[in-house]
Amino acid sequence: GLYRRRIDRLVDEIRPLLAERLED
């Protein structure tokens, strides 16, 4: 289950980092 857990956490972390560019 390690892979999914790390991807889940990364997606949460990357949203504020990219902000308006998240879906660019």
mmCIF file of all heavy atoms, coordinates in Angstrom:
data_MODEL
# 
_entry.id   MODEL 
# 
loop_
_atom_site.group_PDB 
_atom_site.id 
_atom_site.type_symbol 
_atom_site.label_atom_id 
_atom_site.label_alt_id 
_atom_site.label_comp_id 
_atom_site.label_asym_id 
_atom_site.label_entity_id 
_atom_site.label_seq_id 
_atom_site.pdbx_PDB_ins_code 
_atom_site.Cartn_x 
_atom_site.Cartn_y 
_atom_site.Cartn_z 
_atom_site.occupancy 
_atom_site.B_iso_or_equiv 
_atom_site.pdbx_formal_charge 
_atom_site.auth_seq_id 
_atom_site.auth_comp_id 
_atom_site.auth_asym_id 
_atom_site.auth_atom_id 
_atom_site.pdbx_PDB_model_num 
ATOM 1   N N   . GLY A 1 1  ? 0.789  -1.226 0.000   1.00 0.00 ? 1  GLY A N   1 
ATOM 2   C CA  . GLY A 1 1  ? 0.000  0.000  0.000   1.00 0.00 ? 1  GLY A CA  1 
ATOM 3   C C   . GLY A 1 1  ? 0.819  1.272  0.000   1.00 0.00 ? 1  GLY A C   1 
ATOM 4   O O   . GLY A 1 1  ? 0.264  2.383  -0.015  1.00 0.00 ? 1  GLY A O   1 
ATOM 5   N N   . LEU A 1 2  ? 2.132  1.124  0.010   1.00 0.00 ? 2  LEU A N   1 
ATOM 6   C CA  . LEU A 1 2  ? 3.017  2.283  0.136   1.00 0.00 ? 2  LEU A CA  1 
ATOM 7   C C   . LEU A 1 2  ? 2.889  3.257  -1.035  1.00 0.00 ? 2  LEU A C   1 
ATOM 8   O O   . LEU A 1 2  ? 2.847  4.472  -0.850  1.00 0.00 ? 2  LEU A O   1 
ATOM 9   C CB  . LEU A 1 2  ? 4.463  1.786  0.262   1.00 0.00 ? 2  LEU A CB  1 
ATOM 10  C CG  . LEU A 1 2  ? 5.554  2.839  0.423   1.00 0.00 ? 2  LEU A CG  1 
ATOM 11  C CD1 . LEU A 1 2  ? 5.334  3.647  1.695   1.00 0.00 ? 2  LEU A CD1 1 
ATOM 12  C CD2 . LEU A 1 2  ? 6.935  2.158  0.456   1.00 0.00 ? 2  LEU A CD2 1 
ATOM 13  N N   . TYR A 1 3  ? 2.814  2.741  -2.243  1.00 0.00 ? 3  TYR A N   1 
ATOM 14  C CA  . TYR A 1 3  ? 2.794  3.592  -3.440  1.00 0.00 ? 3  TYR A CA  1 
ATOM 15  C C   . TYR A 1 3  ? 1.580  4.512  -3.436  1.00 0.00 ? 3  TYR A C   1 
ATOM 16  O O   . TYR A 1 3  ? 1.703  5.729  -3.611  1.00 0.00 ? 3  TYR A O   1 
ATOM 17  C CB  . TYR A 1 3  ? 2.783  2.693  -4.685  1.00 0.00 ? 3  TYR A CB  1 
ATOM 18  C CG  . TYR A 1 3  ? 3.052  3.406  -5.996  1.00 0.00 ? 3  TYR A CG  1 
ATOM 19  C CD1 . TYR A 1 3  ? 4.341  3.461  -6.522  1.00 0.00 ? 3  TYR A CD1 1 
ATOM 20  C CD2 . TYR A 1 3  ? 2.030  3.995  -6.731  1.00 0.00 ? 3  TYR A CD2 1 
ATOM 21  C CE1 . TYR A 1 3  ? 4.602  4.078  -7.735  1.00 0.00 ? 3  TYR A CE1 1 
ATOM 22  C CE2 . TYR A 1 3  ? 2.276  4.623  -7.939  1.00 0.00 ? 3  TYR A CE2 1 
ATOM 23  C CZ  . TYR A 1 3  ? 3.572  4.665  -8.432  1.00 0.00 ? 3  TYR A CZ  1 
ATOM 24  O OH  . TYR A 1 3  ? 3.818  5.286  -9.627  1.00 0.00 ? 3  TYR A OH  1 
ATOM 25  N N   . ARG A 1 4  ? 0.413  3.929  -3.207  1.00 0.00 ? 4  ARG A N   1 
ATOM 26  C CA  . ARG A 1 4  ? -0.801 4.737  -3.219  1.00 0.00 ? 4  ARG A CA  1 
ATOM 27  C C   . ARG A 1 4  ? -0.769 5.805  -2.119  1.00 0.00 ? 4  ARG A C   1 
ATOM 28  O O   . ARG A 1 4  ? -1.169 6.947  -2.344  1.00 0.00 ? 4  ARG A O   1 
ATOM 29  C CB  . ARG A 1 4  ? -2.032 3.844  -3.045  1.00 0.00 ? 4  ARG A CB  1 
ATOM 30  C CG  . ARG A 1 4  ? -3.354 4.626  -2.991  1.00 0.00 ? 4  ARG A CG  1 
ATOM 31  C CD  . ARG A 1 4  ? -4.518 3.697  -2.745  1.00 0.00 ? 4  ARG A CD  1 
ATOM 32  N NE  . ARG A 1 4  ? -4.782 2.863  -3.901  1.00 0.00 ? 4  ARG A NE  1 
ATOM 33  C CZ  . ARG A 1 4  ? -5.516 3.247  -4.947  1.00 0.00 ? 4  ARG A CZ  1 
ATOM 34  N NH1 . ARG A 1 4  ? -6.052 4.461  -4.966  1.00 0.00 ? 4  ARG A NH1 1 
ATOM 35  N NH2 . ARG A 1 4  ? -5.726 2.432  -5.947  1.00 0.00 ? 4  ARG A NH2 1 
ATOM 36  N N   . ARG A 1 5  ? -0.303 5.419  -0.941  1.00 0.00 ? 5  ARG A N   1 
ATOM 37  C CA  . ARG A 1 5  ? -0.255 6.385  0.151   1.00 0.00 ? 5  ARG A CA  1 
ATOM 38  C C   . ARG A 1 5  ? 0.660  7.563  -0.174  1.00 0.00 ? 5  ARG A C   1 
ATOM 39  O O   . ARG A 1 5  ? 0.331  8.716  0.119   1.00 0.00 ? 5  ARG A O   1 
ATOM 40  C CB  . ARG A 1 5  ? 0.220  5.710  1.450   1.00 0.00 ? 5  ARG A CB  1 
ATOM 41  C CG  . ARG A 1 5  ? -0.766 4.715  2.040   1.00 0.00 ? 5  ARG A CG  1 
ATOM 42  C CD  . ARG A 1 5  ? -0.398 4.362  3.477   1.00 0.00 ? 5  ARG A CD  1 
ATOM 43  N NE  . ARG A 1 5  ? 0.929  3.783  3.583   1.00 0.00 ? 5  ARG A NE  1 
ATOM 44  C CZ  . ARG A 1 5  ? 1.187  2.486  3.465   1.00 0.00 ? 5  ARG A CZ  1 
ATOM 45  N NH1 . ARG A 1 5  ? 0.192  1.628  3.200   1.00 0.00 ? 5  ARG A NH1 1 
ATOM 46  N NH2 . ARG A 1 5  ? 2.422  2.021  3.603   1.00 0.00 ? 5  ARG A NH2 1 
ATOM 47  N N   . ARG A 1 6  ? 1.791  7.276  -0.811  1.00 0.00 ? 6  ARG A N   1 
ATOM 48  C CA  . ARG A 1 6  ? 2.724  8.366  -1.122  1.00 0.00 ? 6  ARG A CA  1 
ATOM 49  C C   . ARG A 1 6  ? 2.180  9.254  -2.232  1.00 0.00 ? 6  ARG A C   1 
ATOM 50  O O   . ARG A 1 6  ? 2.360  10.479 -2.201  1.00 0.00 ? 6  ARG A O   1 
ATOM 51  C CB  . ARG A 1 6  ? 4.099  7.797  -1.522  1.00 0.00 ? 6  ARG A CB  1 
ATOM 52  C CG  . ARG A 1 6  ? 5.180  8.884  -1.518  1.00 0.00 ? 6  ARG A CG  1 
ATOM 53  C CD  . ARG A 1 6  ? 5.314  9.482  -0.139  1.00 0.00 ? 6  ARG A CD  1 
ATOM 54  N NE  . ARG A 1 6  ? 6.112  10.709 -0.062  1.00 0.00 ? 6  ARG A NE  1 
ATOM 55  C CZ  . ARG A 1 6  ? 5.635  11.947 -0.171  1.00 0.00 ? 6  ARG A CZ  1 
ATOM 56  N NH1 . ARG A 1 6  ? 4.347  12.157 -0.389  1.00 0.00 ? 6  ARG A NH1 1 
ATOM 57  N NH2 . ARG A 1 6  ? 6.412  12.990 -0.041  1.00 0.00 ? 6  ARG A NH2 1 
ATOM 58  N N   . ILE A 1 7  ? 1.512  8.671  -3.216  1.00 0.00 ? 7  ILE A N   1 
ATOM 59  C CA  . ILE A 1 7  ? 0.902  9.473  -4.278  1.00 0.00 ? 7  ILE A CA  1 
ATOM 60  C C   . ILE A 1 7  ? -0.206 10.356 -3.701  1.00 0.00 ? 7  ILE A C   1 
ATOM 61  O O   . ILE A 1 7  ? -0.308 11.546 -4.029  1.00 0.00 ? 7  ILE A O   1 
ATOM 62  C CB  . ILE A 1 7  ? 0.352  8.585  -5.406  1.00 0.00 ? 7  ILE A CB  1 
ATOM 63  C CG1 . ILE A 1 7  ? 1.502  7.920  -6.188  1.00 0.00 ? 7  ILE A CG1 1 
ATOM 64  C CG2 . ILE A 1 7  ? -0.525 9.397  -6.357  1.00 0.00 ? 7  ILE A CG2 1 
ATOM 65  C CD1 . ILE A 1 7  ? 2.341  8.879  -7.000  1.00 0.00 ? 7  ILE A CD1 1 
ATOM 66  N N   . ASP A 1 8  ? -1.033 9.785  -2.829  1.00 0.00 ? 8  ASP A N   1 
ATOM 67  C CA  . ASP A 1 8  ? -2.110 10.567 -2.204  1.00 0.00 ? 8  ASP A CA  1 
ATOM 68  C C   . ASP A 1 8  ? -1.536 11.786 -1.474  1.00 0.00 ? 8  ASP A C   1 
ATOM 69  O O   . ASP A 1 8  ? -2.046 12.906 -1.603  1.00 0.00 ? 8  ASP A O   1 
ATOM 70  C CB  . ASP A 1 8  ? -2.884 9.704  -1.195  1.00 0.00 ? 8  ASP A CB  1 
ATOM 71  C CG  . ASP A 1 8  ? -3.771 8.666  -1.872  1.00 0.00 ? 8  ASP A CG  1 
ATOM 72  O OD1 . ASP A 1 8  ? -4.013 8.801  -3.088  1.00 0.00 ? 8  ASP A OD1 1 
ATOM 73  O OD2 . ASP A 1 8  ? -4.206 7.723  -1.184  1.00 0.00 ? 8  ASP A OD2 1 
ATOM 74  N N   . ARG A 1 9  ? -0.477 11.554 -0.710  1.00 0.00 ? 9  ARG A N   1 
ATOM 75  C CA  . ARG A 1 9  ? 0.113  12.644 0.064   1.00 0.00 ? 9  ARG A CA  1 
ATOM 76  C C   . ARG A 1 9  ? 0.740  13.689 -0.857  1.00 0.00 ? 9  ARG A C   1 
ATOM 77  O O   . ARG A 1 9  ? 0.608  14.903 -0.627  1.00 0.00 ? 9  ARG A O   1 
ATOM 78  C CB  . ARG A 1 9  ? 1.162  12.079 1.034   1.00 0.00 ? 9  ARG A CB  1 
ATOM 79  C CG  . ARG A 1 9  ? 1.652  13.091 2.042   1.00 0.00 ? 9  ARG A CG  1 
ATOM 80  C CD  . ARG A 1 9  ? 2.259  12.426 3.271   1.00 0.00 ? 9  ARG A CD  1 
ATOM 81  N NE  . ARG A 1 9  ? 3.542  11.800 3.006   1.00 0.00 ? 9  ARG A NE  1 
ATOM 82  C CZ  . ARG A 1 9  ? 3.759  10.492 3.038   1.00 0.00 ? 9  ARG A CZ  1 
ATOM 83  N NH1 . ARG A 1 9  ? 2.780  9.649  3.295   1.00 0.00 ? 9  ARG A NH1 1 
ATOM 84  N NH2 . ARG A 1 9  ? 4.967  10.009 2.814   1.00 0.00 ? 9  ARG A NH2 1 
ATOM 85  N N   . LEU A 1 10 ? 1.386  13.226 -1.921  1.00 0.00 ? 10 LEU A N   1 
ATOM 86  C CA  . LEU A 1 10 ? 2.028  14.154 -2.852  1.00 0.00 ? 10 LEU A CA  1 
ATOM 87  C C   . LEU A 1 10 ? 1.010  15.045 -3.551  1.00 0.00 ? 10 LEU A C   1 
ATOM 88  O O   . LEU A 1 10 ? 1.240  16.259 -3.702  1.00 0.00 ? 10 LEU A O   1 
ATOM 89  C CB  . LEU A 1 10 ? 2.838  13.375 -3.891  1.00 0.00 ? 10 LEU A CB  1 
ATOM 90  C CG  . LEU A 1 10 ? 3.434  14.195 -5.044  1.00 0.00 ? 10 LEU A CG  1 
ATOM 91  C CD1 . LEU A 1 10 ? 4.366  15.282 -4.513  1.00 0.00 ? 10 LEU A CD1 1 
ATOM 92  C CD2 . LEU A 1 10 ? 4.172  13.282 -6.023  1.00 0.00 ? 10 LEU A CD2 1 
ATOM 93  N N   . VAL A 1 11 ? -0.101 14.475 -3.978  1.00 0.00 ? 11 VAL A N   1 
ATOM 94  C CA  . VAL A 1 11 ? -1.123 15.280 -4.652  1.00 0.00 ? 11 VAL A CA  1 
ATOM 95  C C   . VAL A 1 11 ? -1.633 16.373 -3.718  1.00 0.00 ? 11 VAL A C   1 
ATOM 96  O O   . VAL A 1 11 ? -1.829 17.525 -4.136  1.00 0.00 ? 11 VAL A O   1 
ATOM 97  C CB  . VAL A 1 11 ? -2.274 14.388 -5.151  1.00 0.00 ? 11 VAL A CB  1 
ATOM 98  C CG1 . VAL A 1 11 ? -3.437 15.234 -5.670  1.00 0.00 ? 11 VAL A CG1 1 
ATOM 99  C CG2 . VAL A 1 11 ? -1.779 13.464 -6.268  1.00 0.00 ? 11 VAL A CG2 1 
ATOM 100 N N   . ASP A 1 12 ? -1.821 16.038 -2.444  1.00 0.00 ? 12 ASP A N   1 
ATOM 101 C CA  . ASP A 1 12 ? -2.240 17.063 -1.472  1.00 0.00 ? 12 ASP A CA  1 
ATOM 102 C C   . ASP A 1 12 ? -1.171 18.135 -1.296  1.00 0.00 ? 12 ASP A C   1 
ATOM 103 O O   . ASP A 1 12 ? -1.482 19.322 -1.125  1.00 0.00 ? 12 ASP A O   1 
ATOM 104 C CB  . ASP A 1 12 ? -2.544 16.412 -0.126  1.00 0.00 ? 12 ASP A CB  1 
ATOM 105 C CG  . ASP A 1 12 ? -3.816 15.579 -0.139  1.00 0.00 ? 12 ASP A CG  1 
ATOM 106 O OD1 . ASP A 1 12 ? -4.649 15.806 -1.042  1.00 0.00 ? 12 ASP A OD1 1 
ATOM 107 O OD2 . ASP A 1 12 ? -3.954 14.705 0.737   1.00 0.00 ? 12 ASP A OD2 1 
ATOM 108 N N   . GLU A 1 13 ? 0.093  17.729 -1.345  1.00 0.00 ? 13 GLU A N   1 
ATOM 109 C CA  . GLU A 1 13 ? 1.193  18.675 -1.159  1.00 0.00 ? 13 GLU A CA  1 
ATOM 110 C C   . GLU A 1 13 ? 1.390  19.580 -2.364  1.00 0.00 ? 13 GLU A C   1 
ATOM 111 O O   . GLU A 1 13 ? 1.776  20.755 -2.222  1.00 0.00 ? 13 GLU A O   1 
ATOM 112 C CB  . GLU A 1 13 ? 2.498  17.909 -0.878  1.00 0.00 ? 13 GLU A CB  1 
ATOM 113 C CG  . GLU A 1 13 ? 2.511  17.164 0.450   1.00 0.00 ? 13 GLU A CG  1 
ATOM 114 C CD  . GLU A 1 13 ? 3.663  16.171 0.549   1.00 0.00 ? 13 GLU A CD  1 
ATOM 115 O OE1 . GLU A 1 13 ? 4.355  15.943 -0.476  1.00 0.00 ? 13 GLU A OE1 1 
ATOM 116 O OE2 . GLU A 1 13 ? 3.871  15.622 1.656   1.00 0.00 ? 13 GLU A OE2 1 
ATOM 117 N N   . ILE A 1 14 ? 1.132  19.028 -3.547  1.00 0.00 ? 14 ILE A N   1 
ATOM 118 C CA  . ILE A 1 14 ? 1.470  19.773 -4.757  1.00 0.00 ? 14 ILE A CA  1 
ATOM 119 C C   . ILE A 1 14 ? 0.401  20.804 -5.139  1.00 0.00 ? 14 ILE A C   1 
ATOM 120 O O   . ILE A 1 14 ? 0.685  21.761 -5.862  1.00 0.00 ? 14 ILE A O   1 
ATOM 121 C CB  . ILE A 1 14 ? 1.734  18.793 -5.927  1.00 0.00 ? 14 ILE A CB  1 
ATOM 122 C CG1 . ILE A 1 14 ? 2.773  19.374 -6.887  1.00 0.00 ? 14 ILE A CG1 1 
ATOM 123 C CG2 . ILE A 1 14 ? 0.452  18.413 -6.661  1.00 0.00 ? 14 ILE A CG2 1 
ATOM 124 C CD1 . ILE A 1 14 ? 3.314  18.367 -7.879  1.00 0.00 ? 14 ILE A CD1 1 
ATOM 125 N N   . ARG A 1 15 ? -0.798 20.630 -4.632  1.00 0.00 ? 15 ARG A N   1 
ATOM 126 C CA  . ARG A 1 15 ? -1.872 21.586 -4.975  1.00 0.00 ? 15 ARG A CA  1 
ATOM 127 C C   . ARG A 1 15 ? -1.520 23.017 -4.566  1.00 0.00 ? 15 ARG A C   1 
ATOM 128 O O   . ARG A 1 15 ? -1.570 23.928 -5.398  1.00 0.00 ? 15 ARG A O   1 
ATOM 129 C CB  . ARG A 1 15 ? -3.191 21.151 -4.334  1.00 0.00 ? 15 ARG A CB  1 
ATOM 130 C CG  . ARG A 1 15 ? -3.790 19.893 -4.940  1.00 0.00 ? 15 ARG A CG  1 
ATOM 131 C CD  . ARG A 1 15 ? -5.134 19.549 -4.325  1.00 0.00 ? 15 ARG A CD  1 
ATOM 132 N NE  . ARG A 1 15 ? -5.588 18.239 -4.769  1.00 0.00 ? 15 ARG A NE  1 
ATOM 133 C CZ  . ARG A 1 15 ? -6.188 17.992 -5.927  1.00 0.00 ? 15 ARG A CZ  1 
ATOM 134 N NH1 . ARG A 1 15 ? -6.401 18.994 -6.766  1.00 0.00 ? 15 ARG A NH1 1 
ATOM 135 N NH2 . ARG A 1 15 ? -6.569 16.776 -6.244  1.00 0.00 ? 15 ARG A NH2 1 
ATOM 136 N N   . PRO A 1 16 ? -1.150 23.261 -3.314  1.00 0.00 ? 16 PRO A N   1 
ATOM 137 C CA  . PRO A 1 16 ? -0.800 24.646 -2.960  1.00 0.00 ? 16 PRO A CA  1 
ATOM 138 C C   . PRO A 1 16 ? 0.503  25.121 -3.598  1.00 0.00 ? 16 PRO A C   1 
ATOM 139 O O   . PRO A 1 16 ? 0.685  26.329 -3.817  1.00 0.00 ? 16 PRO A O   1 
ATOM 140 C CB  . PRO A 1 16 ? -0.682 24.606 -1.433  1.00 0.00 ? 16 PRO A CB  1 
ATOM 141 C CG  . PRO A 1 16 ? -0.395 23.181 -1.100  1.00 0.00 ? 16 PRO A CG  1 
ATOM 142 C CD  . PRO A 1 16 ? -1.125 22.380 -2.120  1.00 0.00 ? 16 PRO A CD  1 
ATOM 143 N N   . LEU A 1 17 ? 1.425  24.183 -3.919  1.00 0.00 ? 17 LEU A N   1 
ATOM 144 C CA  . LEU A 1 17 ? 2.679  24.591 -4.542  1.00 0.00 ? 17 LEU A CA  1 
ATOM 145 C C   . LEU A 1 17 ? 2.459  25.158 -5.941  1.00 0.00 ? 17 LEU A C   1 
ATOM 146 O O   . LEU A 1 17 ? 3.096  26.141 -6.340  1.00 0.00 ? 17 LEU A O   1 
ATOM 147 C CB  . LEU A 1 17 ? 3.646  23.399 -4.623  1.00 0.00 ? 17 LEU A CB  1 
ATOM 148 C CG  . LEU A 1 17 ? 4.276  22.916 -3.314  1.00 0.00 ? 17 LEU A CG  1 
ATOM 149 C CD1 . LEU A 1 17 ? 5.120  21.672 -3.568  1.00 0.00 ? 17 LEU A CD1 1 
ATOM 150 C CD2 . LEU A 1 17 ? 5.122  24.015 -2.687  1.00 0.00 ? 17 LEU A CD2 1 
ATOM 151 N N   . LEU A 1 18 ? 1.553  24.529 -6.682  1.00 0.00 ? 18 LEU A N   1 
ATOM 152 C CA  . LEU A 1 18 ? 1.310  24.966 -8.054  1.00 0.00 ? 18 LEU A CA  1 
ATOM 153 C C   . LEU A 1 18 ? 0.179  25.981 -8.151  1.00 0.00 ? 18 LEU A C   1 
ATOM 154 O O   . LEU A 1 18 ? 0.089  26.730 -9.129  1.00 0.00 ? 18 LEU A O   1 
ATOM 155 C CB  . LEU A 1 18 ? 1.001  23.758 -8.946  1.00 0.00 ? 18 LEU A CB  1 
ATOM 156 C CG  . LEU A 1 18 ? 2.134  22.732 -9.085  1.00 0.00 ? 18 LEU A CG  1 
ATOM 157 C CD1 . LEU A 1 18 ? 1.719  21.612 -10.034 1.00 0.00 ? 18 LEU A CD1 1 
ATOM 158 C CD2 . LEU A 1 18 ? 3.408  23.386 -9.589  1.00 0.00 ? 18 LEU A CD2 1 
ATOM 159 N N   . ALA A 1 19 ? -0.707 25.967 -7.159  1.00 0.00 ? 19 ALA A N   1 
ATOM 160 C CA  . ALA A 1 19 ? -1.816 26.942 -7.094  1.00 0.00 ? 19 ALA A CA  1 
ATOM 161 C C   . ALA A 1 19 ? -2.555 27.007 -8.427  1.00 0.00 ? 19 ALA A C   1 
ATOM 162 O O   . ALA A 1 19 ? -3.076 26.001 -8.889  1.00 0.00 ? 19 ALA A O   1 
ATOM 163 C CB  . ALA A 1 19 ? -1.272 28.303 -6.676  1.00 0.00 ? 19 ALA A CB  1 
ATOM 164 N N   . GLU A 1 20 ? -2.597 28.190 -9.041  1.00 0.00 ? 20 GLU A N   1 
ATOM 165 C CA  . GLU A 1 20 ? -3.371 28.366 -10.282 1.00 0.00 ? 20 GLU A CA  1 
ATOM 166 C C   . GLU A 1 20 ? -2.812 27.550 -11.444 1.00 0.00 ? 20 GLU A C   1 
ATOM 167 O O   . GLU A 1 20 ? -3.492 27.348 -12.453 1.00 0.00 ? 20 GLU A O   1 
ATOM 168 C CB  . GLU A 1 20 ? -3.398 29.851 -10.678 1.00 0.00 ? 20 GLU A CB  1 
ATOM 169 C CG  . GLU A 1 20 ? -4.140 30.755 -9.704  1.00 0.00 ? 20 GLU A CG  1 
ATOM 170 C CD  . GLU A 1 20 ? -3.221 31.267 -8.608  1.00 0.00 ? 20 GLU A CD  1 
ATOM 171 O OE1 . GLU A 1 20 ? -2.099 30.732 -8.484  1.00 0.00 ? 20 GLU A OE1 1 
ATOM 172 O OE2 . GLU A 1 20 ? -3.629 32.184 -7.878  1.00 0.00 ? 20 GLU A OE2 1 
ATOM 173 N N   . ARG A 1 21 ? -1.575 27.088 -11.339 1.00 0.00 ? 21 ARG A N   1 
ATOM 174 C CA  . ARG A 1 21 ? -0.962 26.304 -12.412 1.00 0.00 ? 21 ARG A CA  1 
ATOM 175 C C   . ARG A 1 21 ? -1.241 24.801 -12.283 1.00 0.00 ? 21 ARG A C   1 
ATOM 176 O O   . ARG A 1 21 ? -0.754 24.016 -13.094 1.00 0.00 ? 21 ARG A O   1 
ATOM 177 C CB  . ARG A 1 21 ? 0.554  26.510 -12.406 1.00 0.00 ? 21 ARG A CB  1 
ATOM 178 C CG  . ARG A 1 21 ? 1.013  27.921 -12.715 1.00 0.00 ? 21 ARG A CG  1 
ATOM 179 C CD  . ARG A 1 21 ? 0.811  28.278 -14.170 1.00 0.00 ? 21 ARG A CD  1 
ATOM 180 N NE  . ARG A 1 21 ? 1.466  29.540 -14.514 1.00 0.00 ? 21 ARG A NE  1 
ATOM 181 C CZ  . ARG A 1 21 ? 1.308  30.165 -15.665 1.00 0.00 ? 21 ARG A CZ  1 
ATOM 182 N NH1 . ARG A 1 21 ? 0.514  29.635 -16.596 1.00 0.00 ? 21 ARG A NH1 1 
ATOM 183 N NH2 . ARG A 1 21 ? 1.930  31.305 -15.909 1.00 0.00 ? 21 ARG A NH2 1 
ATOM 184 N N   . LEU A 1 22 ? -2.007 24.406 -11.269 1.00 0.00 ? 22 LEU A N   1 
ATOM 185 C CA  . LEU A 1 22 ? -2.195 22.983 -10.999 1.00 0.00 ? 22 LEU A CA  1 
ATOM 186 C C   . LEU A 1 22 ? -2.695 22.221 -12.220 1.00 0.00 ? 22 LEU A C   1 
ATOM 187 O O   . LEU A 1 22 ? -2.230 21.114 -12.505 1.00 0.00 ? 22 LEU A O   1 
ATOM 188 C CB  . LEU A 1 22 ? -3.177 22.780 -9.833  1.00 0.00 ? 22 LEU A CB  1 
ATOM 189 C CG  . LEU A 1 22 ? -3.471 21.322 -9.464  1.00 0.00 ? 22 LEU A CG  1 
ATOM 190 C CD1 . LEU A 1 22 ? -2.210 20.640 -8.947  1.00 0.00 ? 22 LEU A CD1 1 
ATOM 191 C CD2 . LEU A 1 22 ? -4.579 21.236 -8.430  1.00 0.00 ? 22 LEU A CD2 1 
ATOM 192 N N   . GLU A 1 23 ? -3.639 22.784 -12.950 1.00 0.00 ? 23 GLU A N   1 
ATOM 193 C CA  . GLU A 1 23 ? -4.193 22.089 -14.113 1.00 0.00 ? 23 GLU A CA  1 
ATOM 194 C C   . GLU A 1 23 ? -3.799 22.772 -15.420 1.00 0.00 ? 23 GLU A C   1 
ATOM 195 O O   . GLU A 1 23 ? -4.478 22.646 -16.431 1.00 0.00 ? 23 GLU A O   1 
ATOM 196 C CB  . GLU A 1 23 ? -5.718 22.002 -13.978 1.00 0.00 ? 23 GLU A CB  1 
ATOM 197 C CG  . GLU A 1 23 ? -6.150 21.181 -12.769 1.00 0.00 ? 23 GLU A CG  1 
ATOM 198 C CD  . GLU A 1 23 ? -7.652 20.969 -12.701 1.00 0.00 ? 23 GLU A CD  1 
ATOM 199 O OE1 . GLU A 1 23 ? -8.334 21.223 -13.706 1.00 0.00 ? 23 GLU A OE1 1 
ATOM 200 O OE2 . GLU A 1 23 ? -8.134 20.546 -11.643 1.00 0.00 ? 23 GLU A OE2 1 
ATOM 201 N N   . ASP A 1 24 ? -2.660 23.442 -15.394 1.00 0.00 ? 24 ASP A N   1 
ATOM 202 C CA  . ASP A 1 24 ? -2.119 24.083 -16.587 1.00 0.00 ? 24 ASP A CA  1 
ATOM 203 C C   . ASP A 1 24 ? -1.235 23.068 -17.318 1.00 0.00 ? 24 ASP A C   1 
ATOM 204 O O   . ASP A 1 24 ? -0.138 22.733 -16.863 1.00 0.00 ? 24 ASP A O   1 
ATOM 205 C CB  . ASP A 1 24 ? -1.305 25.316 -16.184 1.00 0.00 ? 24 ASP A CB  1 
ATOM 206 C CG  . ASP A 1 24 ? -0.827 26.130 -17.377 1.00 0.00 ? 24 ASP A CG  1 
ATOM 207 O OD1 . ASP A 1 24 ? -0.613 25.542 -18.454 1.00 0.00 ? 24 ASP A OD1 1 
ATOM 208 O OD2 . ASP A 1 24 ? -0.651 27.359 -17.224 1.00 0.00 ? 24 ASP A OD2 1 
# 
